[in-house]
């Protein structure tokens, strides 16, 4: 079994959380951007 450091686990968790938030917020950001561009 591979030994994984705490920092690796934390950065992986932060990355996964960031991906989830990006998927959640991207449609709203696109909507706002389109509203301001037009």
PDB file of N, CA and C in Angstrom:
ATOM      1  N   UNK A   1       0.838  -1.194   0.000  1.00  0.00           N
ATOM      2  CA  UNK A   1       0.000   0.000   0.000  1.00  0.00           C
ATOM      3  C   UNK A   1       0.877   1.249   0.000  1.00  0.00           C
ATOM      4  N   UNK A   2       0.488   2.220  -0.805  1.00  0.00           N
ATOM      5  CA  UNK A   2       1.263   3.447  -0.884  1.00  0.00           C
ATOM      6  C   UNK A   2       1.031   4.317   0.331  1.00  0.00           C
ATOM      7  N   UNK A   3       2.112   4.926   0.792  1.00  0.00           N
ATOM      8  CA  UNK A   3       1.976   5.848   1.914  1.00  0.00           C
ATOM      9  C   UNK A   3       1.721   7.245   1.353  1.00  0.00           C
ATOM     10  N   UNK A   4       0.649   7.850   1.822  1.00  0.00           N
ATOM     11  CA  UNK A   4       0.272   9.170   1.319  1.00  0.00           C
ATOM     12  C   UNK A   4       0.384  10.178   2.449  1.00  0.00           C
ATOM     13  N   UNK A   5       1.025  11.298   2.161  1.00  0.00           N
ATOM     14  CA  UNK A   5       1.203  12.314   3.203  1.00  0.00           C
ATOM     15  C   UNK A   5      -0.082  13.100   3.415  1.00  0.00           C
ATOM     16  N   UNK A   6      -0.194  13.709   4.587  1.00  0.00           N
ATOM     17  CA  UNK A   6      -1.373  14.511   4.907  1.00  0.00           C
ATOM     18  C   UNK A   6      -1.562  15.646   3.898  1.00  0.00           C
ATOM     19  N   UNK A   7      -0.466  16.253   3.490  1.00  0.00           N
ATOM     20  CA  UNK A   7      -0.584  17.385   2.563  1.00  0.00           C
ATOM     21  C   UNK A   7      -1.129  16.920   1.216  1.00  0.00           C
ATOM     22  N   UNK A   8      -0.733  15.707   0.794  1.00  0.00           N
ATOM     23  CA  UNK A   8      -1.266  15.165  -0.457  1.00  0.00           C
ATOM     24  C   UNK A   8      -2.769  14.947  -0.346  1.00  0.00           C
ATOM     25  N   UNK A   9      -3.193  14.404   0.795  1.00  0.00           N
ATOM     26  CA  UNK A   9      -4.616  14.158   1.008  1.00  0.00           C
ATOM     27  C   UNK A   9      -5.378  15.471   1.019  1.00  0.00           C
ATOM     28  N   UNK A  10      -4.816  16.450   1.710  1.00  0.00           N
ATOM     29  CA  UNK A  10      -5.496  17.748   1.800  1.00  0.00           C
ATOM     30  C   UNK A  10      -5.595  18.416   0.438  1.00  0.00           C
ATOM     31  N   UNK A  11      -4.509  18.381  -0.331  1.00  0.00           N
ATOM     32  CA  UNK A  11      -4.542  19.038  -1.634  1.00  0.00           C
ATOM     33  C   UNK A  11      -5.495  18.312  -2.581  1.00  0.00           C
ATOM     34  N   UNK A  12      -5.549  16.987  -2.489  1.00  0.00           N
ATOM     35  CA  UNK A  12      -6.478  16.229  -3.322  1.00  0.00           C
ATOM     36  C   UNK A  12      -7.920  16.549  -2.945  1.00  0.00           C
ATOM     37  N   UNK A  13      -8.180  16.653  -1.644  1.00  0.00           N
ATOM     38  CA  UNK A  13      -9.531  16.974  -1.181  1.00  0.00           C
ATOM     39  C   UNK A  13      -9.908  18.389  -1.608  1.00  0.00           C
ATOM     40  N   UNK A  14      -8.977  19.320  -1.492  1.00  0.00           N
ATOM     41  CA  UNK A  14      -9.246  20.700  -1.892  1.00  0.00           C
ATOM     42  C   UNK A  14      -9.511  20.766  -3.392  1.00  0.00           C
ATOM     43  N   UNK A  15      -8.749  19.987  -4.163  1.00  0.00           N
ATOM     44  CA  UNK A  15      -8.938  19.962  -5.612  1.00  0.00           C
ATOM     45  C   UNK A  15     -10.318  19.414  -5.962  1.00  0.00           C
ATOM     46  N   UNK A  16     -10.704  18.313  -5.317  1.00  0.00           N
ATOM     47  CA  UNK A  16     -12.009  17.701  -5.585  1.00  0.00           C
ATOM     48  C   UNK A  16     -13.130  18.666  -5.221  1.00  0.00           C
ATOM     49  N   UNK A  17     -12.977  19.337  -4.086  1.00  0.00           N
ATOM     50  CA  UNK A  17     -13.985  20.302  -3.650  1.00  0.00           C
ATOM     51  C   UNK A  17     -14.068  21.454  -4.647  1.00  0.00           C
ATOM     52  N   UNK A  18     -12.914  21.904  -5.117  1.00  0.00           N
ATOM     53  CA  UNK A  18     -12.890  22.979  -6.105  1.00  0.00           C
ATOM     54  C   UNK A  18     -13.597  22.571  -7.385  1.00  0.00           C
ATOM     55  N   UNK A  19     -13.398  21.317  -7.812  1.00  0.00           N
ATOM     56  CA  UNK A  19     -14.064  20.835  -9.014  1.00  0.00           C
ATOM     57  C   UNK A  19     -15.575  20.830  -8.829  1.00  0.00           C
ATOM     58  N   UNK A  20     -16.033  20.359  -7.662  1.00  0.00           N
ATOM     59  CA  UNK A  20     -17.465  20.317  -7.379  1.00  0.00           C
ATOM     60  C   UNK A  20     -18.045  21.729  -7.394  1.00  0.00           C
ATOM     61  N   UNK A  21     -17.346  22.672  -6.763  1.00  0.00           N
ATOM     62  CA  UNK A  21     -17.834  24.050  -6.715  1.00  0.00           C
ATOM     63  C   UNK A  21     -17.836  24.662  -8.112  1.00  0.00           C
ATOM     64  N   UNK A  22     -16.826  24.331  -8.907  1.00  0.00           N
ATOM     65  CA  UNK A  22     -16.759  24.873 -10.260  1.00  0.00           C
ATOM     66  C   UNK A  22     -17.961  24.404 -11.075  1.00  0.00           C
ATOM     67  N   UNK A  23     -18.292  23.118 -10.951  1.00  0.00           N
ATOM     68  CA  UNK A  23     -19.451  22.596 -11.683  1.00  0.00           C
ATOM     69  C   UNK A  23     -20.728  23.277 -11.222  1.00  0.00           C
ATOM     70  N   UNK A  24     -20.808  23.577  -9.935  1.00  0.00           N
ATOM     71  CA  UNK A  24     -22.008  24.180  -9.369  1.00  0.00           C
ATOM     72  C   UNK A  24     -22.143  25.645  -9.787  1.00  0.00           C
ATOM     73  N   UNK A  25     -21.017  26.370  -9.786  1.00  0.00           N
ATOM     74  CA  UNK A  25     -21.076  27.805 -10.020  1.00  0.00           C
ATOM     75  C   UNK A  25     -20.922  28.206 -11.479  1.00  0.00           C
ATOM     76  N   UNK A  26     -20.340  27.342 -12.299  1.00  0.00           N
ATOM     77  CA  UNK A  26     -20.091  27.708 -13.695  1.00  0.00           C
ATOM     78  C   UNK A  26     -21.343  28.194 -14.419  1.00  0.00           C
ATOM     79  N   UNK A  27     -22.485  27.490 -14.315  1.00  0.00           N
ATOM     80  CA  UNK A  27     -23.690  27.970 -15.015  1.00  0.00           C
ATOM     81  C   UNK A  27     -24.105  29.364 -14.564  1.00  0.00           C
ATOM     82  N   UNK A  28     -23.978  29.646 -13.271  1.00  0.00           N
ATOM     83  CA  UNK A  28     -24.356  30.964 -12.756  1.00  0.00           C
ATOM     84  C   UNK A  28     -23.413  32.030 -13.285  1.00  0.00           C
ATOM     85  N   UNK A  29     -22.127  31.699 -13.347  1.00  0.00           N
ATOM     86  CA  UNK A  29     -21.138  32.656 -13.838  1.00  0.00           C
ATOM     87  C   UNK A  29     -21.393  32.951 -15.312  1.00  0.00           C
ATOM     88  N   UNK A  30     -21.678  31.912 -16.086  1.00  0.00           N
ATOM     89  CA  UNK A  30     -21.958  32.093 -17.511  1.00  0.00           C
ATOM     90  C   UNK A  30     -23.207  32.944 -17.694  1.00  0.00           C
ATOM     91  N   UNK A  31     -24.213  32.679 -16.872  1.00  0.00           N
ATOM     92  CA  UNK A  31     -25.465  33.440 -16.949  1.00  0.00           C
ATOM     93  C   UNK A  31     -25.214  34.919 -16.669  1.00  0.00           C
ATOM     94  N   UNK A  32     -24.445  35.204 -15.613  1.00  0.00           N
ATOM     95  CA  UNK A  32     -24.132  36.595 -15.272  1.00  0.00           C
ATOM     96  C   UNK A  32     -23.323  37.256 -16.380  1.00  0.00           C
ATOM     97  N   UNK A  33     -22.348  36.529 -16.898  1.00  0.00           N
ATOM     98  CA  UNK A  33     -21.491  37.077 -17.946  1.00  0.00           C
ATOM     99  C   UNK A  33     -22.324  37.421 -19.178  1.00  0.00           C
ATOM    100  N   UNK A  34     -23.210  36.508 -19.569  1.00  0.00           N
ATOM    101  CA  UNK A  34     -24.043  36.752 -20.745  1.00  0.00           C
ATOM    102  C   UNK A  34     -24.944  37.961 -20.522  1.00  0.00           C
ATOM    103  N   UNK A  35     -25.457  38.097 -19.309  1.00  0.00           N
ATOM    104  CA  UNK A  35     -26.345  39.212 -18.998  1.00  0.00           C
ATOM    105  C   UNK A  35     -25.602  40.544 -19.143  1.00  0.00           C
ATOM    106  N   UNK A  36     -24.328  40.580 -18.710  1.00  0.00           N
ATOM    107  CA  UNK A  36     -23.581  41.833 -18.785  1.00  0.00           C
ATOM    108  C   UNK A  36     -23.051  42.105 -20.189  1.00  0.00           C
ATOM    109  N   UNK A  37     -22.833  41.062 -20.962  1.00  0.00           N
ATOM    110  CA  UNK A  37     -22.288  41.261 -22.300  1.00  0.00           C
ATOM    111  C   UNK A  37     -23.351  41.755 -23.269  1.00  0.00           C
ATOM    112  N   UNK A  38     -24.596  41.373 -23.066  1.00  0.00           N
ATOM    113  CA  UNK A  38     -25.653  41.714 -24.031  1.00  0.00           C
ATOM    114  C   UNK A  38     -26.429  42.939 -23.595  1.00  0.00           C
TER     115      UNK A  38
END
